[in-house]
PDB file of N, CA and C in Angstrom:
ATOM      1  N   MET A   1      73.274 153.111 123.230  1.00  0.00           N
ATOM      2  CA  MET A   1      72.525 152.211 122.380  1.00  0.00           C
ATOM      3  C   MET A   1      71.075 152.183 122.857  1.00  0.00           C
ATOM      4  N   LEU A   2      70.129 152.317 121.939  1.00  0.00           N
ATOM      5  CA  LEU A   2      68.710 152.266 122.268  1.00  0.00           C
ATOM      6  C   LEU A   2      68.228 150.829 122.328  1.00  0.00           C
ATOM      7  N   ARG A   3      67.347 150.576 123.264  1.00  0.00           N
ATOM      8  CA  ARG A   3      66.767 149.233 123.386  1.00  0.00           C
ATOM      9  C   ARG A   3      65.276 149.319 123.118  1.00  0.00           C
ATOM     10  N   SER A   4      64.755 148.352 122.442  1.00  0.00           N
ATOM     11  CA  SER A   4      63.328 148.314 122.131  1.00  0.00           C
ATOM     12  C   SER A   4      62.528 148.003 123.390  1.00  0.00           C
ATOM     13  N   ALA A   5      61.345 148.624 123.492  1.00  0.00           N
ATOM     14  CA  ALA A   5      60.465 148.349 124.625  1.00  0.00           C
ATOM     15  C   ALA A   5      59.740 147.022 124.455  1.00  0.00           C
ATOM     16  N   VAL A   6      59.759 146.480 123.250  1.00  0.00           N
ATOM     17  CA  VAL A   6      59.075 145.227 122.969  1.00  0.00           C
ATOM     18  C   VAL A   6      60.072 144.082 123.049  1.00  0.00           C
ATOM     19  N   SER A   7      59.728 143.098 123.844  1.00  0.00           N
ATOM     20  CA  SER A   7      60.572 141.917 123.946  1.00  0.00           C
ATOM     21  C   SER A   7      60.399 141.063 122.700  1.00  0.00           C
ATOM     22  N   LEU A   8      61.483 140.588 122.141  1.00  0.00           N
ATOM     23  CA  LEU A   8      61.391 139.749 120.951  1.00  0.00           C
ATOM     24  C   LEU A   8      60.713 138.418 121.250  1.00  0.00           C
ATOM     25  N   GLN A   9      60.579 138.071 122.514  1.00  0.00           N
ATOM     26  CA  GLN A   9      59.928 136.826 122.878  1.00  0.00           C
ATOM     27  C   GLN A   9      58.412 136.931 122.804  1.00  0.00           C
ATOM     28  N   SER A  10      57.849 138.132 122.750  1.00  0.00           N
ATOM     29  CA  SER A  10      56.404 138.275 122.834  1.00  0.00           C
ATOM     30  C   SER A  10      55.798 138.997 121.630  1.00  0.00           C
ATOM     31  N   LEU A  11      56.416 138.892 120.482  1.00  0.00           N
ATOM     32  CA  LEU A  11      55.891 139.580 119.304  1.00  0.00           C
ATOM     33  C   LEU A  11      54.590 138.956 118.824  1.00  0.00           C
ATOM     34  N   LYS A  12      53.636 139.813 118.502  1.00  0.00           N
ATOM     35  CA  LYS A  12      52.392 139.411 117.859  1.00  0.00           C
ATOM     36  C   LYS A  12      52.328 140.194 116.562  1.00  0.00           C
ATOM     37  N   LEU A  13      52.299 139.482 115.437  1.00  0.00           N
ATOM     38  CA  LEU A  13      52.416 140.131 114.143  1.00  0.00           C
ATOM     39  C   LEU A  13      51.255 139.788 113.226  1.00  0.00           C
ATOM     40  N   CYS A  14      50.966 140.703 112.328  1.00  0.00           N
ATOM     41  CA  CYS A  14      49.969 140.462 111.296  1.00  0.00           C
ATOM     42  C   CYS A  14      50.615 140.807 109.960  1.00  0.00           C
ATOM     43  N   VAL A  15      50.572 139.881 109.022  1.00  0.00           N
ATOM     44  CA  VAL A  15      51.150 140.094 107.696  1.00  0.00           C
ATOM     45  C   VAL A  15      49.995 140.214 106.707  1.00  0.00           C
ATOM     46  N   PHE A  16      49.881 141.372 106.073  1.00  0.00           N
ATOM     47  CA  PHE A  16      48.857 141.603 105.060  1.00  0.00           C
ATOM     48  C   PHE A  16      49.447 141.301 103.686  1.00  0.00           C
ATOM     49  N   GLY A  17      48.662 140.682 102.835  1.00  0.00           N
ATOM     50  CA  GLY A  17      49.137 140.391 101.490  1.00  0.00           C
ATOM     51  C   GLY A  17      50.059 139.194 101.469  1.00  0.00           C
ATOM     52  N   VAL A  18      49.551 138.066 101.945  1.00  0.00           N
ATOM     53  CA  VAL A  18      50.382 136.869 102.033  1.00  0.00           C
ATOM     54  C   VAL A  18      50.397 136.169 100.678  1.00  0.00           C
ATOM     55  N   GLY A  19      51.413 136.494  99.917  1.00  0.00           N
ATOM     56  CA  GLY A  19      51.666 135.829  98.641  1.00  0.00           C
ATOM     57  C   GLY A  19      53.069 135.248  98.708  1.00  0.00           C
ATOM     58  N   GLY A  20      53.757 135.306  97.613  1.00  0.00           N
ATOM     59  CA  GLY A  20      55.116 134.777  97.566  1.00  0.00           C
ATOM     60  C   GLY A  20      56.089 135.540  98.435  1.00  0.00           C
ATOM     61  N   ILE A  21      55.847 136.817  98.639  1.00  0.00           N
ATOM     62  CA  ILE A  21      56.771 137.616  99.436  1.00  0.00           C
ATOM     63  C   ILE A  21      56.331 137.673 100.891  1.00  0.00           C
ATOM     64  N   GLY A  22      55.077 137.966 101.169  1.00  0.00           N
ATOM     65  CA  GLY A  22      54.609 138.086 102.549  1.00  0.00           C
ATOM     66  C   GLY A  22      54.568 136.770 103.298  1.00  0.00           C
ATOM     67  N   GLY A  23      54.359 135.677 102.579  1.00  0.00           N
ATOM     68  CA  GLY A  23      54.274 134.369 103.224  1.00  0.00           C
ATOM     69  C   GLY A  23      55.587 133.892 103.792  1.00  0.00           C
ATOM     70  N   HIS A  24      56.683 134.224 103.146  1.00  0.00           N
ATOM     71  CA  HIS A  24      57.989 133.738 103.596  1.00  0.00           C
ATOM     72  C   HIS A  24      58.374 134.299 104.965  1.00  0.00           C
ATOM     73  N   PRO A  25      58.384 135.626 105.151  1.00  0.00           N
ATOM     74  CA  PRO A  25      58.724 136.119 106.492  1.00  0.00           C
ATOM     75  C   PRO A  25      57.681 135.727 107.539  1.00  0.00           C
ATOM     76  N   GLY A  26      56.411 135.645 107.126  1.00  0.00           N
ATOM     77  CA  GLY A  26      55.380 135.211 108.073  1.00  0.00           C
ATOM     78  C   GLY A  26      55.636 133.809 108.581  1.00  0.00           C
ATOM     79  N   ALA A  27      55.995 132.920 107.681  1.00  0.00           N
ATOM     80  CA  ALA A  27      56.290 131.539 108.061  1.00  0.00           C
ATOM     81  C   ALA A  27      57.541 131.457 108.929  1.00  0.00           C
ATOM     82  N   ARG A  28      58.563 132.221 108.590  1.00  0.00           N
ATOM     83  CA  ARG A  28      59.813 132.203 109.377  1.00  0.00           C
ATOM     84  C   ARG A  28      59.579 132.707 110.796  1.00  0.00           C
ATOM     85  N   LEU A  29      58.785 133.777 110.919  1.00  0.00           N
ATOM     86  CA  LEU A  29      58.491 134.321 112.247  1.00  0.00           C
ATOM     87  C   LEU A  29      57.649 133.349 113.066  1.00  0.00           C
ATOM     88  N   ALA A  30      56.675 132.700 112.429  1.00  0.00           N
ATOM     89  CA  ALA A  30      55.848 131.715 113.133  1.00  0.00           C
ATOM     90  C   ALA A  30      56.711 130.528 113.572  1.00  0.00           C
ATOM     91  N   HIS A  31      57.591 130.093 112.697  1.00  0.00           N
ATOM     92  CA  HIS A  31      58.474 128.974 113.020  1.00  0.00           C
ATOM     93  C   HIS A  31      59.404 129.321 114.190  1.00  0.00           C
ATOM     94  N   ALA A  32      59.736 130.602 114.319  1.00  0.00           N
ATOM     95  CA  ALA A  32      60.600 131.059 115.412  1.00  0.00           C
ATOM     96  C   ALA A  32      59.838 131.196 116.722  1.00  0.00           C
ATOM     97  N   GLY A  33      58.514 130.954 116.689  1.00  0.00           N
ATOM     98  CA  GLY A  33      57.744 130.949 117.921  1.00  0.00           C
ATOM     99  C   GLY A  33      56.899 132.184 118.173  1.00  0.00           C
ATOM    100  N   HIS A  34      56.836 133.104 117.213  1.00  0.00           N
ATOM    101  CA  HIS A  34      56.031 134.305 117.379  1.00  0.00           C
ATOM    102  C   HIS A  34      54.593 134.032 116.949  1.00  0.00           C
ATOM    103  N   GLU A  35      53.663 134.803 117.503  1.00  0.00           N
ATOM    104  CA  GLU A  35      52.256 134.693 117.115  1.00  0.00           C
ATOM    105  C   GLU A  35      52.060 135.507 115.838  1.00  0.00           C
ATOM    106  N   VAL A  36      51.726 134.825 114.737  1.00  0.00           N
ATOM    107  CA  VAL A  36      51.615 135.478 113.434  1.00  0.00           C
ATOM    108  C   VAL A  36      50.235 135.196 112.844  1.00  0.00           C
ATOM    109  N   HIS A  37      49.597 136.249 112.366  1.00  0.00           N
ATOM    110  CA  HIS A  37      48.314 136.128 111.674  1.00  0.00           C
ATOM    111  C   HIS A  37      48.529 136.567 110.229  1.00  0.00           C
ATOM    112  N   LEU A  38      48.086 135.741 109.296  1.00  0.00           N
ATOM    113  CA  LEU A  38      48.288 136.015 107.879  1.00  0.00           C
ATOM    114  C   LEU A  38      46.969 136.438 107.239  1.00  0.00           C
ATOM    115  N   ILE A  39      47.005 137.508 106.445  1.00  0.00           N
ATOM    116  CA  ILE A  39      45.819 138.011 105.772  1.00  0.00           C
ATOM    117  C   ILE A  39      46.014 137.820 104.264  1.00  0.00           C
ATOM    118  N   ALA A  40      45.083 137.102 103.648  1.00  0.00           N
ATOM    119  CA  ALA A  40      45.158 136.858 102.208  1.00  0.00           C
ATOM    120  C   ALA A  40      43.748 136.905 101.623  1.00  0.00           C
ATOM    121  N   ARG A  41      43.665 137.039 100.320  1.00  0.00           N
ATOM    122  CA  ARG A  41      42.371 137.014  99.642  1.00  0.00           C
ATOM    123  C   ARG A  41      42.554 136.433  98.242  1.00  0.00           C
ATOM    124  N   GLY A  42      41.453 136.149  97.605  1.00  0.00           N
ATOM    125  CA  GLY A  42      41.494 135.659  96.228  1.00  0.00           C
ATOM    126  C   GLY A  42      42.183 134.320  96.091  1.00  0.00           C
ATOM    127  N   ASP A  43      42.961 134.202  95.025  1.00  0.00           N
ATOM    128  CA  ASP A  43      43.655 132.936  94.722  1.00  0.00           C
ATOM    129  C   ASP A  43      44.649 132.542  95.810  1.00  0.00           C
ATOM    130  N   HIS A  44      45.302 133.532  96.423  1.00  0.00           N
ATOM    131  CA  HIS A  44      46.254 133.203  97.488  1.00  0.00           C
ATOM    132  C   HIS A  44      45.535 132.619  98.700  1.00  0.00           C
ATOM    133  N   LEU A  45      44.377 133.154  99.037  1.00  0.00           N
ATOM    134  CA  LEU A  45      43.605 132.612 100.156  1.00  0.00           C
ATOM    135  C   LEU A  45      43.174 131.181  99.869  1.00  0.00           C
ATOM    136  N   THR A  46      42.688 130.947  98.663  1.00  0.00           N
ATOM    137  CA  THR A  46      42.266 129.599  98.285  1.00  0.00           C
ATOM    138  C   THR A  46      43.429 128.615  98.358  1.00  0.00           C
ATOM    139  N   ALA A  47      44.585 129.030  97.874  1.00  0.00           N
ATOM    140  CA  ALA A  47      45.763 128.157  97.911  1.00  0.00           C
ATOM    141  C   ALA A  47      46.191 127.874  99.350  1.00  0.00           C
ATOM    142  N   LEU A  48      46.145 128.882 100.210  1.00  0.00           N
ATOM    143  CA  LEU A  48      46.497 128.666 101.615  1.00  0.00           C
ATOM    144  C   LEU A  48      45.526 127.724 102.303  1.00  0.00           C
ATOM    145  N   GLN A  49      44.242 127.881 102.009  1.00  0.00           N
ATOM    146  CA  GLN A  49      43.237 127.012 102.636  1.00  0.00           C
ATOM    147  C   GLN A  49      43.363 125.581 102.129  1.00  0.00           C
ATOM    148  N   THR A  50      43.714 125.418 100.884  1.00  0.00           N
ATOM    149  CA  THR A  50      43.805 124.096 100.272  1.00  0.00           C
ATOM    150  C   THR A  50      45.124 123.395 100.610  1.00  0.00           C
ATOM    151  N   ASP A  51      46.225 124.093 100.411  1.00  0.00           N
ATOM    152  CA  ASP A  51      47.555 123.478 100.498  1.00  0.00           C
ATOM    153  C   ASP A  51      48.369 123.912 101.705  1.00  0.00           C
ATOM    154  N   GLY A  52      47.916 124.925 102.435  1.00  0.00           N
ATOM    155  CA  GLY A  52      48.714 125.451 103.534  1.00  0.00           C
ATOM    156  C   GLY A  52      49.801 126.375 103.026  1.00  0.00           C
ATOM    157  N   LEU A  53      50.583 126.879 103.942  1.00  0.00           N
ATOM    158  CA  LEU A  53      51.626 127.835 103.565  1.00  0.00           C
ATOM    159  C   LEU A  53      52.822 127.102 103.018  1.00  0.00           C
TER     160      LEU A  53
END
């Protein structure tokens, strides 16, 4: 069995295109304690800045 060199405790992730699909896994990973950066633009960016994820 192969083991990943990356520990699941130290994941740093970037999600591009945070809309209805990208926002969900990004939020779940952040809630699980991982460092997550979300990239959005246009109406999705405005909605995130105004209302949050």
